[in-house]
Amino acid sequence: MTKKVPLTDRAGVEKAVAALQEKLAEGDPADEALKAECEAELENLRSAYRASPAAFTKETIEALRDLKDLLAG
């Protein structure tokens, strides 16, 4: 399991998004365990957005949408 970073500021959010992108890029797309872990991390980021939307830039939001689409299919 990866170390959790604070998701209350832009640097923490950017680091979490980059880590999720890297995990998906390096992993096997057919690995259901990886997909479930990434979906859980994505949900954690959604919760962080609801709690602190100012920590998310337009670019990080777009990256999260791309990740969501990648996980969906």
C-alpha atoms as a PDB file:
ATOM      1  CA  MET A   1       0.000   0.000   0.000  1.00  0.00           C
ATOM      2  CA  THR A   2       1.259   3.470  -0.810  1.00  0.00           C
ATOM      3  CA  LYS A   3       1.823   6.136   1.815  1.00  0.00           C
ATOM      4  CA  LYS A   4      -1.107   8.526   2.025  1.00  0.00           C
ATOM      5  CA  VAL A   5      -0.351  12.158   1.363  1.00  0.00           C
ATOM      6  CA  PRO A   6      -2.413  15.038   2.726  1.00  0.00           C
ATOM      7  CA  LEU A   7      -5.078  16.039   0.244  1.00  0.00           C
ATOM      8  CA  THR A   8      -5.752  19.469   1.680  1.00  0.00           C
ATOM      9  CA  ASP A   9      -3.378  21.453  -0.518  1.00  0.00           C
ATOM     10  CA  ARG A  10      -2.453  21.542  -4.183  1.00  0.00           C
ATOM     11  CA  ALA A  11       0.925  19.881  -3.712  1.00  0.00           C
ATOM     12  CA  GLY A  12      -0.629  16.917  -1.923  1.00  0.00           C
ATOM     13  CA  VAL A  13      -3.364  16.547  -4.520  1.00  0.00           C
ATOM     14  CA  GLU A  14      -0.907  16.784  -7.410  1.00  0.00           C
ATOM     15  CA  LYS A  15       1.308  14.171  -5.781  1.00  0.00           C
ATOM     16  CA  ALA A  16      -1.638  11.806  -5.247  1.00  0.00           C
ATOM     17  CA  VAL A  17      -2.860  12.236  -8.827  1.00  0.00           C
ATOM     18  CA  ALA A  18       0.635  11.641 -10.222  1.00  0.00           C
ATOM     19  CA  ALA A  19       1.024   8.516  -8.071  1.00  0.00           C
ATOM     20  CA  LEU A  20      -2.299   7.163  -9.321  1.00  0.00           C
ATOM     21  CA  GLN A  21      -1.354   7.887 -12.937  1.00  0.00           C
ATOM     22  CA  GLU A  22       1.965   6.106 -12.438  1.00  0.00           C
ATOM     23  CA  LYS A  23       0.334   3.121 -10.773  1.00  0.00           C
ATOM     24  CA  LEU A  24      -2.063   2.691 -13.691  1.00  0.00           C
ATOM     25  CA  ALA A  25       0.638   3.214 -16.309  1.00  0.00           C
ATOM     26  CA  GLU A  26       2.909   0.592 -14.759  1.00  0.00           C
ATOM     27  CA  GLY A  27       0.196  -1.923 -13.884  1.00  0.00           C
ATOM     28  CA  ASP A  28      -1.633  -4.568 -15.838  1.00  0.00           C
ATOM     29  CA  PRO A  29      -4.973  -3.165 -17.060  1.00  0.00           C
ATOM     30  CA  ALA A  30      -6.535  -6.613 -16.647  1.00  0.00           C
ATOM     31  CA  ASP A  31      -5.552  -6.819 -12.955  1.00  0.00           C
ATOM     32  CA  GLU A  32      -8.827  -6.551 -11.046  1.00  0.00           C
ATOM     33  CA  ALA A  33      -7.064  -5.986  -7.705  1.00  0.00           C
ATOM     34  CA  LEU A  34      -5.140  -3.058  -9.174  1.00  0.00           C
ATOM     35  CA  LYS A  35      -8.329  -1.648 -10.655  1.00  0.00           C
ATOM     36  CA  ALA A  36     -10.136  -1.907  -7.311  1.00  0.00           C
ATOM     37  CA  GLU A  37      -7.245  -0.229  -5.494  1.00  0.00           C
ATOM     38  CA  CYS A  38      -7.137   2.594  -8.037  1.00  0.00           C
ATOM     39  CA  GLU A  39     -10.895   3.067  -7.860  1.00  0.00           C
ATOM     40  CA  ALA A  40     -10.634   3.353  -4.066  1.00  0.00           C
ATOM     41  CA  GLU A  41      -7.896   5.971  -4.415  1.00  0.00           C
ATOM     42  CA  LEU A  42     -10.005   7.844  -6.948  1.00  0.00           C
ATOM     43  CA  GLU A  43     -12.934   7.839  -4.500  1.00  0.00           C
ATOM     44  CA  ASN A  44     -10.595   9.171  -1.801  1.00  0.00           C
ATOM     45  CA  LEU A  45      -9.671  12.015  -4.143  1.00  0.00           C
ATOM     46  CA  ARG A  46     -13.354  12.715  -4.810  1.00  0.00           C
ATOM     47  CA  SER A  47     -13.938  12.989  -1.064  1.00  0.00           C
ATOM     48  CA  ALA A  48     -10.955  15.315  -0.770  1.00  0.00           C
ATOM     49  CA  TYR A  49     -12.407  17.486  -3.537  1.00  0.00           C
ATOM     50  CA  ARG A  50     -15.715  17.768  -1.710  1.00  0.00           C
ATOM     51  CA  ALA A  51     -13.869  18.748   1.473  1.00  0.00           C
ATOM     52  CA  SER A  52     -11.333  21.110  -0.107  1.00  0.00           C
ATOM     53  CA  PRO A  53     -12.089  22.033  -3.734  1.00  0.00           C
ATOM     54  CA  ALA A  54      -9.532  24.859  -3.730  1.00  0.00           C
ATOM     55  CA  ALA A  55      -6.768  22.235  -3.546  1.00  0.00           C
ATOM     56  CA  PHE A  56      -7.687  21.014  -7.032  1.00  0.00           C
ATOM     57  CA  THR A  57      -6.605  22.807 -10.186  1.00  0.00           C
ATOM     58  CA  LYS A  58      -8.285  22.568 -13.553  1.00  0.00           C
ATOM     59  CA  GLU A  59      -5.448  20.278 -14.650  1.00  0.00           C
ATOM     60  CA  THR A  60      -5.806  17.880 -11.722  1.00  0.00           C
ATOM     61  CA  ILE A  61      -9.564  17.688 -12.254  1.00  0.00           C
ATOM     62  CA  GLU A  62      -9.031  16.887 -15.948  1.00  0.00           C
ATOM     63  CA  ALA A  63      -6.442  14.248 -15.019  1.00  0.00           C
ATOM     64  CA  LEU A  64      -8.903  12.650 -12.598  1.00  0.00           C
ATOM     65  CA  ARG A  65     -11.587  12.559 -15.271  1.00  0.00           C
ATOM     66  CA  ASP A  66      -9.127  10.853 -17.630  1.00  0.00           C
ATOM     67  CA  LEU A  67      -8.265   8.319 -14.926  1.00  0.00           C
ATOM     68  CA  LYS A  68     -11.955   7.657 -14.291  1.00  0.00           C
ATOM     69  CA  ASP A  69     -12.482   7.004 -18.000  1.00  0.00           C
ATOM     70  CA  LEU A  70      -9.440   4.748 -18.136  1.00  0.00           C
ATOM     71  CA  LEU A  71     -10.707   2.684 -15.212  1.00  0.00           C
ATOM     72  CA  ALA A  72     -14.201   2.493 -16.710  1.00  0.00           C
ATOM     73  CA  GLY A  73     -13.127   0.856 -19.840  1.00  0.00           C
END
